[in-house]
Amino acid sequence: MDKVLVEVFIPASEKSYDVFLPQGILLHEIVYLLAGTMTELSQGYYSATPDTILCDRKTGTILNINQTVEEIGLMNGAKLMLI
């Protein structure tokens, strides 16, 4: 399975993390996994909720959670934001 290396920014902790995302997985599964991981890594600054979203950091466009990474067209070096 191919993977894409992206940067995920967490505004609450003002930190970015490099993450490999598998191309064939739906984004809602990735958001669920990222939310849990980022809650732990941010040492309490970020707290996941059912309304957690993943968006493009540059444009602010919310990514469709019903598509795969490949369908959305994420490429290596993409900058995302988890809020």
Protein backbone atom coordinates (compact mmCIF):
# COMPACT_ATOMS: atom_id res chain seq x y z
CA MET A 1 0.00 0.00 0.00
CA ASP A 2 1.39 3.39 -0.99
CA LYS A 3 1.67 6.14 1.58
CA VAL A 4 1.80 9.93 1.43
CA LEU A 5 3.91 12.01 3.82
CA VAL A 6 1.98 15.07 5.03
CA GLU A 7 2.45 17.70 7.73
CA VAL A 8 -0.40 17.98 10.24
CA PHE A 9 -0.60 21.24 12.19
CA ILE A 10 -2.43 21.43 15.53
CA PRO A 11 -3.43 25.06 16.22
CA ALA A 12 -4.14 24.40 19.91
CA SER A 13 -0.56 23.35 20.59
CA GLU A 14 1.02 25.38 17.76
CA LYS A 15 2.98 22.29 16.65
CA SER A 16 3.26 20.35 13.41
CA TYR A 17 3.82 16.64 12.97
CA ASP A 18 4.91 14.66 9.91
CA VAL A 19 2.56 11.74 9.29
CA PHE A 20 2.41 8.97 6.69
CA LEU A 21 -1.14 8.45 5.39
CA PRO A 22 -2.07 5.26 3.49
CA GLN A 23 -3.68 6.20 0.16
CA GLY A 24 -6.43 3.56 0.22
CA ILE A 25 -8.03 4.43 3.58
CA LEU A 26 -11.09 6.67 3.95
CA LEU A 27 -10.37 10.02 5.53
CA HIS A 28 -12.86 9.51 8.38
CA GLU A 29 -10.71 6.61 9.62
CA ILE A 30 -7.58 8.74 9.37
CA VAL A 31 -9.23 11.64 11.24
CA TYR A 32 -10.25 9.24 14.03
CA LEU A 33 -6.70 7.87 14.36
CA LEU A 34 -5.03 11.28 14.08
CA ALA A 35 -7.34 12.81 16.68
CA GLY A 36 -6.44 10.18 19.25
CA THR A 37 -2.74 10.37 18.50
CA MET A 38 -2.60 14.16 18.50
CA THR A 39 -4.47 14.32 21.81
CA GLU A 40 -1.64 12.32 23.37
CA LEU A 41 1.22 14.10 21.57
CA SER A 42 -0.03 17.60 22.39
CA GLN A 43 0.07 16.89 26.14
CA GLY A 44 -3.48 18.09 26.73
CA TYR A 45 -3.51 21.18 24.49
CA TYR A 46 -5.60 19.42 21.85
CA SER A 47 -8.68 17.43 22.77
CA ALA A 48 -10.49 15.37 20.13
CA THR A 49 -14.25 15.75 19.75
CA PRO A 50 -16.83 14.11 17.47
CA ASP A 51 -16.68 17.31 15.37
CA THR A 52 -12.95 17.02 14.64
CA ILE A 53 -12.12 17.97 11.05
CA LEU A 54 -9.09 17.83 8.81
CA CYS A 55 -8.57 20.71 6.42
CA ASP A 56 -6.03 22.14 4.03
CA ARG A 57 -3.79 24.48 6.00
CA LYS A 58 -3.24 26.97 3.20
CA THR A 59 -6.83 27.38 1.95
CA GLY A 60 -8.85 26.23 4.96
CA THR A 61 -10.86 23.87 2.76
CA ILE A 62 -12.43 21.06 4.79
CA LEU A 63 -11.48 17.66 3.35
CA ASN A 64 -14.28 15.22 2.51
CA ILE A 65 -14.15 12.39 5.06
CA ASN A 66 -15.99 10.04 2.70
CA GLN A 67 -13.09 9.92 0.22
CA THR A 68 -9.72 8.23 0.33
CA VAL A 69 -6.41 10.08 0.48
CA GLU A 70 -5.86 9.16 -3.16
CA GLU A 71 -9.31 10.43 -4.26
CA ILE A 72 -8.73 13.76 -2.52
CA GLY A 73 -5.39 14.05 -4.30
CA LEU A 74 -3.12 14.54 -1.31
CA MET A 75 0.53 14.51 -2.32
CA ASN A 76 3.81 14.27 -0.40
CA GLY A 77 4.44 17.54 1.42
CA ALA A 78 0.78 18.52 1.76
CA LYS A 79 0.11 20.74 4.78
CA LEU A 80 -3.03 19.90 6.74
CA MET A 81 -4.62 21.20 9.91
CA LEU A 82 -6.56 19.17 12.49
CA ILE A 83 -9.21 21.19 14.37
